[in-house]
PDB file of N, CA and C in Angstrom:
ATOM      1  N   MET A   1       0.857  -1.186   0.000  1.00  0.00           N
ATOM      2  CA  MET A   1       0.000   0.000   0.000  1.00  0.00           C
ATOM      3  C   MET A   1       0.890   1.231   0.000  1.00  0.00           C
ATOM      4  N   ALA A   2       0.581   2.176  -0.832  1.00  0.00           N
ATOM      5  CA  ALA A   2       1.364   3.403  -0.941  1.00  0.00           C
ATOM      6  C   ALA A   2       1.243   4.222   0.337  1.00  0.00           C
ATOM      7  N   LYS A   3       2.255   5.040   0.579  1.00  0.00           N
ATOM      8  CA  LYS A   3       2.272   5.849   1.792  1.00  0.00           C
ATOM      9  C   LYS A   3       1.046   6.760   1.887  1.00  0.00           C
ATOM     10  N   GLY A   4       0.644   7.366   0.753  1.00  0.00           N
ATOM     11  CA  GLY A   4      -0.534   8.224   0.736  1.00  0.00           C
ATOM     12  C   GLY A   4      -1.796   7.452   1.095  1.00  0.00           C
ATOM     13  N   GLY A   5      -1.872   6.201   0.646  1.00  0.00           N
ATOM     14  CA  GLY A   5      -3.028   5.368   0.949  1.00  0.00           C
ATOM     15  C   GLY A   5      -3.153   5.103   2.447  1.00  0.00           C
ATOM     16  N   MET A   6      -2.036   4.862   3.086  1.00  0.00           N
ATOM     17  CA  MET A   6      -2.036   4.617   4.532  1.00  0.00           C
ATOM     18  C   MET A   6      -2.422   5.883   5.285  1.00  0.00           C
ATOM     19  N   GLY A   7      -1.948   7.022   4.800  1.00  0.00           N
ATOM     20  CA  GLY A   7      -2.298   8.304   5.432  1.00  0.00           C
ATOM     21  C   GLY A   7      -3.784   8.580   5.330  1.00  0.00           C
ATOM     22  N   ASN A   8      -4.362   8.300   4.158  1.00  0.00           N
ATOM     23  CA  ASN A   8      -5.806   8.487   3.985  1.00  0.00           C
ATOM     24  C   ASN A   8      -6.590   7.549   4.886  1.00  0.00           C
ATOM     25  N   LEU A   9      -6.102   6.333   4.999  1.00  0.00           N
ATOM     26  CA  LEU A   9      -6.772   5.355   5.859  1.00  0.00           C
ATOM     27  C   LEU A   9      -6.756   5.828   7.316  1.00  0.00           C
ATOM     28  N   MET A  10      -5.637   6.386   7.750  1.00  0.00           N
ATOM     29  CA  MET A  10      -5.534   6.885   9.126  1.00  0.00           C
ATOM     30  C   MET A  10      -6.468   8.080   9.334  1.00  0.00           C
ATOM     31  N   LYS A  11      -6.560   8.967   8.341  1.00  0.00           N
ATOM     32  CA  LYS A  11      -7.469  10.114   8.447  1.00  0.00           C
ATOM     33  C   LYS A  11      -8.916   9.646   8.544  1.00  0.00           C
ATOM     34  N   GLN A  12      -9.263   8.652   7.728  1.00  0.00           N
ATOM     35  CA  GLN A  12     -10.630   8.119   7.774  1.00  0.00           C
ATOM     36  C   GLN A  12     -10.934   7.498   9.131  1.00  0.00           C
ATOM     37  N   ALA A  13      -9.969   6.779   9.680  1.00  0.00           N
ATOM     38  CA  ALA A  13     -10.150   6.161  10.995  1.00  0.00           C
ATOM     39  C   ALA A  13     -10.327   7.231  12.067  1.00  0.00           C
ATOM     40  N   GLN A  14      -9.558   8.295  11.984  1.00  0.00           N
ATOM     41  CA  GLN A  14      -9.665   9.381  12.958  1.00  0.00           C
ATOM     42  C   GLN A  14     -11.016  10.086  12.827  1.00  0.00           C
ATOM     43  N   MET A  15     -11.471  10.289  11.591  1.00  0.00           N
ATOM     44  CA  MET A  15     -12.770  10.918  11.386  1.00  0.00           C
ATOM     45  C   MET A  15     -13.887  10.032  11.928  1.00  0.00           C
ATOM     46  N   MET A  16     -13.786   8.722  11.685  1.00  0.00           N
ATOM     47  CA  MET A  16     -14.798   7.802  12.185  1.00  0.00           C
ATOM     48  C   MET A  16     -14.818   7.813  13.711  1.00  0.00           C
ATOM     49  N   GLN A  17     -13.656   7.844  14.329  1.00  0.00           N
ATOM     50  CA  GLN A  17     -13.575   7.891  15.787  1.00  0.00           C
ATOM     51  C   GLN A  17     -14.189   9.180  16.327  1.00  0.00           C
ATOM     52  N   ALA A  18     -13.901  10.302  15.685  1.00  0.00           N
ATOM     53  CA  ALA A  18     -14.471  11.580  16.130  1.00  0.00           C
ATOM     54  C   ALA A  18     -15.988  11.576  15.973  1.00  0.00           C
ATOM     55  N   ASN A  19     -16.479  11.044  14.863  1.00  0.00           N
ATOM     56  CA  ASN A  19     -17.925  10.963  14.649  1.00  0.00           C
ATOM     57  C   ASN A  19     -18.590  10.062  15.680  1.00  0.00           C
ATOM     58  N   MET A  20     -17.946   8.952  16.020  1.00  0.00           N
ATOM     59  CA  MET A  20     -18.514   8.047  17.021  1.00  0.00           C
ATOM     60  C   MET A  20     -18.553   8.716  18.394  1.00  0.00           C
ATOM     61  N   GLN A  21     -17.503   9.443  18.740  1.00  0.00           N
ATOM     62  CA  GLN A  21     -17.480  10.134  20.028  1.00  0.00           C
ATOM     63  C   GLN A  21     -18.572  11.197  20.088  1.00  0.00           C
ATOM     64  N   ARG A  22     -18.774  11.908  18.985  1.00  0.00           N
ATOM     65  CA  ARG A  22     -19.823  12.925  18.929  1.00  0.00           C
ATOM     66  C   ARG A  22     -21.205  12.264  19.065  1.00  0.00           C
ATOM     67  N   ALA A  23     -21.405  11.146  18.381  1.00  0.00           N
ATOM     68  CA  ALA A  23     -22.687  10.435  18.467  1.00  0.00           C
ATOM     69  C   ALA A  23     -22.927   9.909  19.881  1.00  0.00           C
ATOM     70  N   GLN A  24     -21.888   9.396  20.520  1.00  0.00           N
ATOM     71  CA  GLN A  24     -22.039   8.903  21.892  1.00  0.00           C
ATOM     72  C   GLN A  24     -22.378  10.038  22.848  1.00  0.00           C
ATOM     73  N   ALA A  25     -21.794  11.205  22.640  1.00  0.00           N
ATOM     74  CA  ALA A  25     -22.116  12.363  23.477  1.00  0.00           C
ATOM     75  C   ALA A  25     -23.576  12.776  23.279  1.00  0.00           C
ATOM     76  N   GLU A  26     -24.045  12.729  22.032  1.00  0.00           N
ATOM     77  CA  GLU A  26     -25.446  13.051  21.753  1.00  0.00           C
ATOM     78  C   GLU A  26     -26.380  12.030  22.413  1.00  0.00           C
ATOM     79  N   LEU A  27     -26.016  10.757  22.349  1.00  0.00           N
ATOM     80  CA  LEU A  27     -26.848   9.716  22.967  1.00  0.00           C
ATOM     81  C   LEU A  27     -26.926   9.886  24.485  1.00  0.00           C
ATOM     82  N   ALA A  28     -25.872  10.398  25.082  1.00  0.00           N
ATOM     83  CA  ALA A  28     -25.852  10.581  26.534  1.00  0.00           C
ATOM     84  C   ALA A  28     -26.913  11.572  26.998  1.00  0.00           C
ATOM     85  N   VAL A  29     -27.332  12.480  26.106  1.00  0.00           N
ATOM     86  CA  VAL A  29     -28.344  13.466  26.485  1.00  0.00           C
ATOM     87  C   VAL A  29     -29.688  13.253  25.769  1.00  0.00           C
ATOM     88  N   THR A  30     -29.733  12.276  24.853  1.00  0.00           N
ATOM     89  CA  THR A  30     -30.979  11.969  24.156  1.00  0.00           C
ATOM     90  C   THR A  30     -31.884  11.177  25.089  1.00  0.00           C
ATOM     91  N   GLU A  31     -33.116  11.646  25.265  1.00  0.00           N
ATOM     92  CA  GLU A  31     -34.060  10.981  26.167  1.00  0.00           C
ATOM     93  C   GLU A  31     -35.133  10.229  25.386  1.00  0.00           C
ATOM     94  N   VAL A  32     -35.510   9.078  25.917  1.00  0.00           N
ATOM     95  CA  VAL A  32     -36.624   8.305  25.375  1.00  0.00           C
ATOM     96  C   VAL A  32     -37.590   8.026  26.515  1.00  0.00           C
ATOM     97  N   GLU A  33     -38.828   7.711  26.145  1.00  0.00           N
ATOM     98  CA  GLU A  33     -39.834   7.413  27.171  1.00  0.00           C
ATOM     99  C   GLU A  33     -40.495   6.089  26.838  1.00  0.00           C
ATOM    100  N   GLY A  34     -40.435   5.176  27.797  1.00  0.00           N
ATOM    101  CA  GLY A  34     -41.142   3.910  27.681  1.00  0.00           C
ATOM    102  C   GLY A  34     -42.359   3.961  28.562  1.00  0.00           C
ATOM    103  N   GLN A  35     -43.329   3.087  28.259  1.00  0.00           N
ATOM    104  CA  GLN A  35     -44.544   3.107  29.067  1.00  0.00           C
ATOM    105  C   GLN A  35     -45.206   1.740  29.094  1.00  0.00           C
ATOM    106  N   ALA A  36     -46.160   1.629  29.994  1.00  0.00           N
ATOM    107  CA  ALA A  36     -46.961   0.415  30.113  1.00  0.00           C
ATOM    108  C   ALA A  36     -48.411   0.828  30.322  1.00  0.00           C
ATOM    109  N   SER A  37     -49.310  -0.025  29.886  1.00  0.00           N
ATOM    110  CA  SER A  37     -50.748   0.162  30.056  1.00  0.00           C
ATOM    111  C   SER A  37     -51.228   1.545  29.635  1.00  0.00           C
ATOM    112  N   ASN A  38     -50.955   1.853  28.377  1.00  0.00           N
ATOM    113  CA  ASN A  38     -51.413   3.122  27.797  1.00  0.00           C
ATOM    114  C   ASN A  38     -50.990   4.348  28.597  1.00  0.00           C
ATOM    115  N   GLY A  39     -49.798   4.304  29.134  1.00  0.00           N
ATOM    116  CA  GLY A  39     -49.255   5.473  29.809  1.00  0.00           C
ATOM    117  C   GLY A  39     -49.517   5.560  31.297  1.00  0.00           C
ATOM    118  N   LEU A  40     -50.081   4.500  31.900  1.00  0.00           N
ATOM    119  CA  LEU A  40     -50.279   4.550  33.351  1.00  0.00           C
ATOM    120  C   LEU A  40     -48.938   4.571  34.088  1.00  0.00           C
ATOM    121  N   ILE A  41     -47.928   3.992  33.460  1.00  0.00           N
ATOM    122  CA  ILE A  41     -46.556   4.091  33.968  1.00  0.00           C
ATOM    123  C   ILE A  41     -45.704   4.595  32.815  1.00  0.00           C
ATOM    124  N   LYS A  42     -44.912   5.633  33.079  1.00  0.00           N
ATOM    125  CA  LYS A  42     -43.999   6.189  32.089  1.00  0.00           C
ATOM    126  C   LYS A  42     -42.614   6.288  32.714  1.00  0.00           C
ATOM    127  N   ILE A  43     -41.622   5.884  31.951  1.00  0.00           N
ATOM    128  CA  ILE A  43     -40.239   5.963  32.415  1.00  0.00           C
ATOM    129  C   ILE A  43     -39.445   6.720  31.362  1.00  0.00           C
ATOM    130  N   LYS A  44     -38.787   7.785  31.789  1.00  0.00           N
ATOM    131  CA  LYS A  44     -37.952   8.579  30.885  1.00  0.00           C
ATOM    132  C   LYS A  44     -36.495   8.334  31.253  1.00  0.00           C
ATOM    133  N   MET A  45     -35.697   7.959  30.232  1.00  0.00           N
ATOM    134  CA  MET A  45     -34.278   7.679  30.431  1.00  0.00           C
ATOM    135  C   MET A  45     -33.476   8.260  29.275  1.00  0.00           C
ATOM    136  N   THR A  46     -32.175   8.486  29.525  1.00  0.00           N
ATOM    137  CA  THR A  46     -31.281   8.839  28.426  1.00  0.00           C
ATOM    138  C   THR A  46     -30.872   7.551  27.736  1.00  0.00           C
ATOM    139  N   CYS A  47     -30.276   7.691  26.568  1.00  0.00           N
ATOM    140  CA  CYS A  47     -29.799   6.518  25.827  1.00  0.00           C
ATOM    141  C   CYS A  47     -28.528   5.935  26.441  1.00  0.00           C
ATOM    142  N   LYS A  48     -28.089   6.486  27.532  1.00  0.00           N
ATOM    143  CA  LYS A  48     -26.985   5.909  28.302  1.00  0.00           C
ATOM    144  C   LYS A  48     -27.505   5.326  29.620  1.00  0.00           C
ATOM    145  N   ASN A  49     -28.795   5.009  29.649  1.00  0.00           N
ATOM    146  CA  ASN A  49     -29.459   4.328  30.757  1.00  0.00           C
ATOM    147  C   ASN A  49     -29.526   5.124  32.056  1.00  0.00           C
ATOM    148  N   GLU A  50     -29.517   6.430  31.966  1.00  0.00           N
ATOM    149  CA  GLU A  50     -29.696   7.272  33.153  1.00  0.00           C
ATOM    150  C   GLU A  50     -31.188   7.582  33.296  1.00  0.00           C
ATOM    151  N   ILE A  51     -31.767   7.158  34.406  1.00  0.00           N
ATOM    152  CA  ILE A  51     -33.186   7.399  34.643  1.00  0.00           C
ATOM    153  C   ILE A  51     -33.395   8.869  34.979  1.00  0.00           C
ATOM    154  N   LYS A  52     -34.311   9.502  34.239  1.00  0.00           N
ATOM    155  CA  LYS A  52     -34.614  10.909  34.453  1.00  0.00           C
ATOM    156  C   LYS A  52     -35.909  11.107  35.227  1.00  0.00           C
ATOM    157  N   LYS A  53     -36.910  10.259  34.934  1.00  0.00           N
ATOM    158  CA  LYS A  53     -38.197  10.444  35.586  1.00  0.00           C
ATOM    159  C   LYS A  53     -39.021   9.167  35.491  1.00  0.00           C
ATOM    160  N   ILE A  54     -39.758   8.882  36.557  1.00  0.00           N
ATOM    161  CA  ILE A  54     -40.731   7.788  36.566  1.00  0.00           C
ATOM    162  C   ILE A  54     -42.059   8.388  36.993  1.00  0.00           C
ATOM    163  N   ASP A  55     -43.078   8.154  36.187  1.00  0.00           N
ATOM    164  CA  ASP A  55     -44.414   8.676  36.473  1.00  0.00           C
ATOM    165  C   ASP A  55     -45.365   7.483  36.614  1.00  0.00           C
ATOM    166  N   ILE A  56     -45.988   7.365  37.770  1.00  0.00           N
ATOM    167  CA  ILE A  56     -46.918   6.262  38.061  1.00  0.00           C
ATOM    168  C   ILE A  56     -48.281   6.856  38.378  1.00  0.00           C
ATOM    169  N   ASP A  57     -49.274   6.434  37.625  1.00  0.00           N
ATOM    170  CA  ASP A  57     -50.642   6.893  37.862  1.00  0.00           C
ATOM    171  C   ASP A  57     -51.090   6.434  39.247  1.00  0.00           C
ATOM    172  N   ALA A  58     -51.745   7.312  39.980  1.00  0.00           N
ATOM    173  CA  ALA A  58     -52.172   7.028  41.355  1.00  0.00           C
ATOM    174  C   ALA A  58     -53.099   5.817  41.449  1.00  0.00           C
ATOM    175  N   SER A  59     -53.825   5.507  40.392  1.00  0.00           N
ATOM    176  CA  SER A  59     -54.751   4.367  40.426  1.00  0.00           C
ATOM    177  C   SER A  59     -54.030   3.032  40.585  1.00  0.00           C
ATOM    178  N   LEU A  60     -52.729   3.004  40.334  1.00  0.00           N
ATOM    179  CA  LEU A  60     -51.967   1.764  40.433  1.00  0.00           C
ATOM    180  C   LEU A  60     -51.381   1.523  41.816  1.00  0.00           C
ATOM    181  N   LEU A  61     -51.469   2.479  42.685  1.00  0.00           N
ATOM    182  CA  LEU A  61     -50.789   2.379  43.973  1.00  0.00           C
ATOM    183  C   LEU A  61     -51.430   1.387  44.940  1.00  0.00           C
ATOM    184  N   GLU A  62     -52.617   0.948  44.646  1.00  0.00           N
ATOM    185  CA  GLU A  62     -53.301   0.028  45.559  1.00  0.00           C
ATOM    186  C   GLU A  62     -53.004  -1.437  45.277  1.00  0.00           C
ATOM    187  N   ASP A  63     -52.465  -1.749  44.099  1.00  0.00           N
ATOM    188  CA  ASP A  63     -52.197  -3.137  43.732  1.00  0.00           C
ATOM    189  C   ASP A  63     -50.702  -3.305  43.481  1.00  0.00           C
ATOM    190  N   LYS A  64     -49.972  -3.667  44.535  1.00  0.00           N
ATOM    191  CA  LYS A  64     -48.517  -3.765  44.488  1.00  0.00           C
ATOM    192  C   LYS A  64     -48.043  -4.726  43.404  1.00  0.00           C
ATOM    193  N   GLU A  65     -48.657  -5.888  43.318  1.00  0.00           N
ATOM    194  CA  GLU A  65     -48.225  -6.904  42.357  1.00  0.00           C
ATOM    195  C   GLU A  65     -48.401  -6.422  40.910  1.00  0.00           C
ATOM    196  N   MET A  66     -49.536  -5.814  40.628  1.00  0.00           N
ATOM    197  CA  MET A  66     -49.771  -5.302  39.289  1.00  0.00           C
ATOM    198  C   MET A  66     -48.795  -4.167  38.975  1.00  0.00           C
ATOM    199  N   LEU A  67     -48.542  -3.309  39.944  1.00  0.00           N
ATOM    200  CA  LEU A  67     -47.594  -2.207  39.762  1.00  0.00           C
ATOM    201  C   LEU A  67     -46.206  -2.746  39.422  1.00  0.00           C
ATOM    202  N   GLU A  68     -45.766  -3.759  40.128  1.00  0.00           N
ATOM    203  CA  GLU A  68     -44.459  -4.355  39.865  1.00  0.00           C
ATOM    204  C   GLU A  68     -44.388  -4.924  38.454  1.00  0.00           C
ATOM    205  N   ASP A  69     -45.437  -5.636  38.047  1.00  0.00           N
ATOM    206  CA  ASP A  69     -45.474  -6.211  36.696  1.00  0.00           C
ATOM    207  C   ASP A  69     -45.435  -5.115  35.628  1.00  0.00           C
ATOM    208  N   MET A  70     -46.173  -4.057  35.863  1.00  0.00           N
ATOM    209  CA  MET A  70     -46.224  -2.970  34.882  1.00  0.00           C
ATOM    210  C   MET A  70     -44.903  -2.202  34.827  1.00  0.00           C
ATOM    211  N   MET A  71     -44.206  -2.114  35.940  1.00  0.00           N
ATOM    212  CA  MET A  71     -42.891  -1.472  35.944  1.00  0.00           C
ATOM    213  C   MET A  71     -41.919  -2.257  35.061  1.00  0.00           C
ATOM    214  N   VAL A  72     -41.988  -3.573  35.134  1.00  0.00           N
ATOM    215  CA  VAL A  72     -41.130  -4.416  34.296  1.00  0.00           C
ATOM    216  C   VAL A  72     -41.437  -4.167  32.820  1.00  0.00           C
ATOM    217  N   VAL A  73     -42.712  -4.123  32.480  1.00  0.00           N
ATOM    218  CA  VAL A  73     -43.117  -3.868  31.092  1.00  0.00           C
ATOM    219  C   VAL A  73     -42.619  -2.498  30.631  1.00  0.00           C
ATOM    220  N   ALA A  74     -42.790  -1.495  31.461  1.00  0.00           N
ATOM    221  CA  ALA A  74     -42.357  -0.140  31.102  1.00  0.00           C
ATOM    222  C   ALA A  74     -40.839  -0.069  30.938  1.00  0.00           C
ATOM    223  N   LEU A  75     -40.098  -0.740  31.812  1.00  0.00           N
ATOM    224  CA  LEU A  75     -38.637  -0.752  31.686  1.00  0.00           C
ATOM    225  C   LEU A  75     -38.200  -1.453  30.410  1.00  0.00           C
ATOM    226  N   LYS A  76     -38.819  -2.585  30.099  1.00  0.00           N
ATOM    227  CA  LYS A  76     -38.480  -3.296  28.861  1.00  0.00           C
ATOM    228  C   LYS A  76     -38.757  -2.419  27.645  1.00  0.00           C
ATOM    229  N   ASP A  77     -39.871  -1.714  27.665  1.00  0.00           N
ATOM    230  CA  ASP A  77     -40.214  -0.816  26.562  1.00  0.00           C
ATOM    231  C   ASP A  77     -39.175   0.301  26.440  1.00  0.00           C
ATOM    232  N   THR A  78     -38.752   0.847  27.553  1.00  0.00           N
ATOM    233  CA  THR A  78     -37.755   1.919  27.545  1.00  0.00           C
ATOM    234  C   THR A  78     -36.429   1.419  26.984  1.00  0.00           C
ATOM    235  N   PHE A  79     -35.970   0.267  27.444  1.00  0.00           N
ATOM    236  CA  PHE A  79     -34.699  -0.280  26.954  1.00  0.00           C
ATOM    237  C   PHE A  79     -34.775  -0.618  25.463  1.00  0.00           C
ATOM    238  N   LYS A  80     -35.927  -1.080  25.007  1.00  0.00           N
ATOM    239  CA  LYS A  80     -36.111  -1.364  23.584  1.00  0.00           C
ATOM    240  C   LYS A  80     -35.970  -0.079  22.768  1.00  0.00           C
ATOM    241  N   GLN A  81     -36.563   0.991  23.249  1.00  0.00           N
ATOM    242  CA  GLN A  81     -36.466   2.273  22.548  1.00  0.00           C
ATOM    243  C   GLN A  81     -35.038   2.810  22.556  1.00  0.00           C
ATOM    244  N   ILE A  82     -34.343   2.649  23.677  1.00  0.00           N
ATOM    245  CA  ILE A  82     -32.946   3.073  23.753  1.00  0.00           C
ATOM    246  C   ILE A  82     -32.123   2.323  22.709  1.00  0.00           C
ATOM    247  N   GLU A  83     -32.337   1.018  22.615  1.00  0.00           N
ATOM    248  CA  GLU A  83     -31.597   0.208  21.646  1.00  0.00           C
ATOM    249  C   GLU A  83     -31.883   0.664  20.209  1.00  0.00           C
ATOM    250  N   GLU A  84     -33.143   0.937  19.907  1.00  0.00           N
ATOM    251  CA  GLU A  84     -33.505   1.376  18.559  1.00  0.00           C
ATOM    252  C   GLU A  84     -32.863   2.721  18.212  1.00  0.00           C
ATOM    253  N   VAL A  85     -32.932   3.674  19.134  1.00  0.00           N
ATOM    254  CA  VAL A  85     -32.345   4.997  18.891  1.00  0.00           C
ATOM    255  C   VAL A  85     -30.830   4.884  18.739  1.00  0.00           C
ATOM    256  N   THR A  86     -30.199   4.103  19.598  1.00  0.00           N
ATOM    257  CA  THR A  86     -28.750   3.922  19.545  1.00  0.00           C
ATOM    258  C   THR A  86     -28.324   3.271  18.237  1.00  0.00           C
ATOM    259  N   ASN A  87     -29.015   2.212  17.842  1.00  0.00           N
ATOM    260  CA  ASN A  87     -28.673   1.536  16.584  1.00  0.00           C
ATOM    261  C   ASN A  87     -28.836   2.460  15.390  1.00  0.00           C
ATOM    262  N   THR A  88     -29.902   3.240  15.384  1.00  0.00           N
ATOM    263  CA  THR A  88     -30.137   4.174  14.287  1.00  0.00           C
ATOM    264  C   THR A  88     -29.031   5.218  14.225  1.00  0.00           C
ATOM    265  N   LYS A  89     -28.682   5.770  15.373  1.00  0.00           N
ATOM    266  CA  LYS A  89     -27.675   6.833  15.443  1.00  0.00           C
ATOM    267  C   LYS A  89     -26.300   6.312  15.029  1.00  0.00           C
ATOM    268  N   MET A  90     -25.953   5.124  15.451  1.00  0.00           N
ATOM    269  CA  MET A  90     -24.608   4.606  15.229  1.00  0.00           C
ATOM    270  C   MET A  90     -24.457   3.872  13.897  1.00  0.00           C
ATOM    271  N   SER A  91     -25.541   3.416  13.310  1.00  0.00           N
ATOM    272  CA  SER A  91     -25.435   2.587  12.110  1.00  0.00           C
ATOM    273  C   SER A  91     -24.790   3.326  10.939  1.00  0.00           C
ATOM    274  N   GLY A  92     -25.004   4.599  10.827  1.00  0.00           N
ATOM    275  CA  GLY A  92     -24.425   5.350   9.726  1.00  0.00           C
ATOM    276  C   GLY A  92     -22.953   5.670   9.905  1.00  0.00           C
ATOM    277  N   LEU A  93     -22.397   5.376  11.071  1.00  0.00           N
ATOM    278  CA  LEU A  93     -21.008   5.740  11.355  1.00  0.00           C
ATOM    279  C   LEU A  93     -20.017   4.630  11.060  1.00  0.00           C
ATOM    280  N   VAL A  94     -20.524   3.425  10.852  1.00  0.00           N
ATOM    281  CA  VAL A  94     -19.659   2.265  10.694  1.00  0.00           C
ATOM    282  C   VAL A  94     -19.791   1.744   9.257  1.00  0.00           C
ATOM    283  N   PRO A  95     -18.681   1.425   8.607  1.00  0.00           N
ATOM    284  CA  PRO A  95     -18.766   0.889   7.246  1.00  0.00           C
ATOM    285  C   PRO A  95     -19.614  -0.388   7.206  1.00  0.00           C
ATOM    286  N   PRO A  96     -20.309  -0.635   6.081  1.00  0.00           N
ATOM    287  CA  PRO A  96     -21.131  -1.838   5.959  1.00  0.00           C
ATOM    288  C   PRO A  96     -20.323  -3.099   6.256  1.00  0.00           C
ATOM    289  N   GLY A  97     -20.948  -3.991   6.982  1.00  0.00           N
ATOM    290  CA  GLY A  97     -20.303  -5.261   7.322  1.00  0.00           C
ATOM    291  C   GLY A  97     -19.502  -5.226   8.600  1.00  0.00           C
ATOM    292  N   MET A  98     -19.235  -4.047   9.140  1.00  0.00           N
ATOM    293  CA  MET A  98     -18.468  -3.927  10.375  1.00  0.00           C
ATOM    294  C   MET A  98     -19.432  -3.658  11.513  1.00  0.00           C
ATOM    295  N   ASN A  99     -19.623  -4.640  12.361  1.00  0.00           N
ATOM    296  CA  ASN A  99     -20.539  -4.501  13.488  1.00  0.00           C
ATOM    297  C   ASN A  99     -19.738  -4.268  14.756  1.00  0.00           C
ATOM    298  N   LEU A 100     -19.990  -3.142  15.383  1.00  0.00           N
ATOM    299  CA  LEU A 100     -19.323  -2.817  16.638  1.00  0.00           C
ATOM    300  C   LEU A 100     -20.345  -2.789  17.757  1.00  0.00           C
ATOM    301  N   PRO A 101     -19.949  -3.220  18.943  1.00  0.00           N
ATOM    302  CA  PRO A 101     -20.887  -3.150  20.077  1.00  0.00           C
ATOM    303  C   PRO A 101     -21.023  -1.720  20.562  1.00  0.00           C
ATOM    304  N   PHE A 102     -22.271  -1.295  20.806  1.00  0.00           N
ATOM    305  CA  PHE A 102     -22.515   0.048  21.319  1.00  0.00           C
ATOM    306  C   PHE A 102     -23.105  -0.102  22.666  1.00  0.00           C
TER     307      PHE A 102
END
């Protein structure tokens, strides 16, 4: 490989690294909201799994078991949304065929 080719490859790698760092910084402040039972429980988190807010409808406070089950559903929904947003944001930064863990 010619010297210029290696230099271009290094520049591309540096640009990809900078773009990934910028995307990760954006994900750290990007918020998603998961919910259960048509919004009776809402959980807001960043795409870096920082919980920002949990909202529980007062009607659920009397049934502990149901509340616990619905919290699990809401958390799963939130994590699913985080994964979707993260994959979308990061997919354009990596060359086709190269799968990196995010």
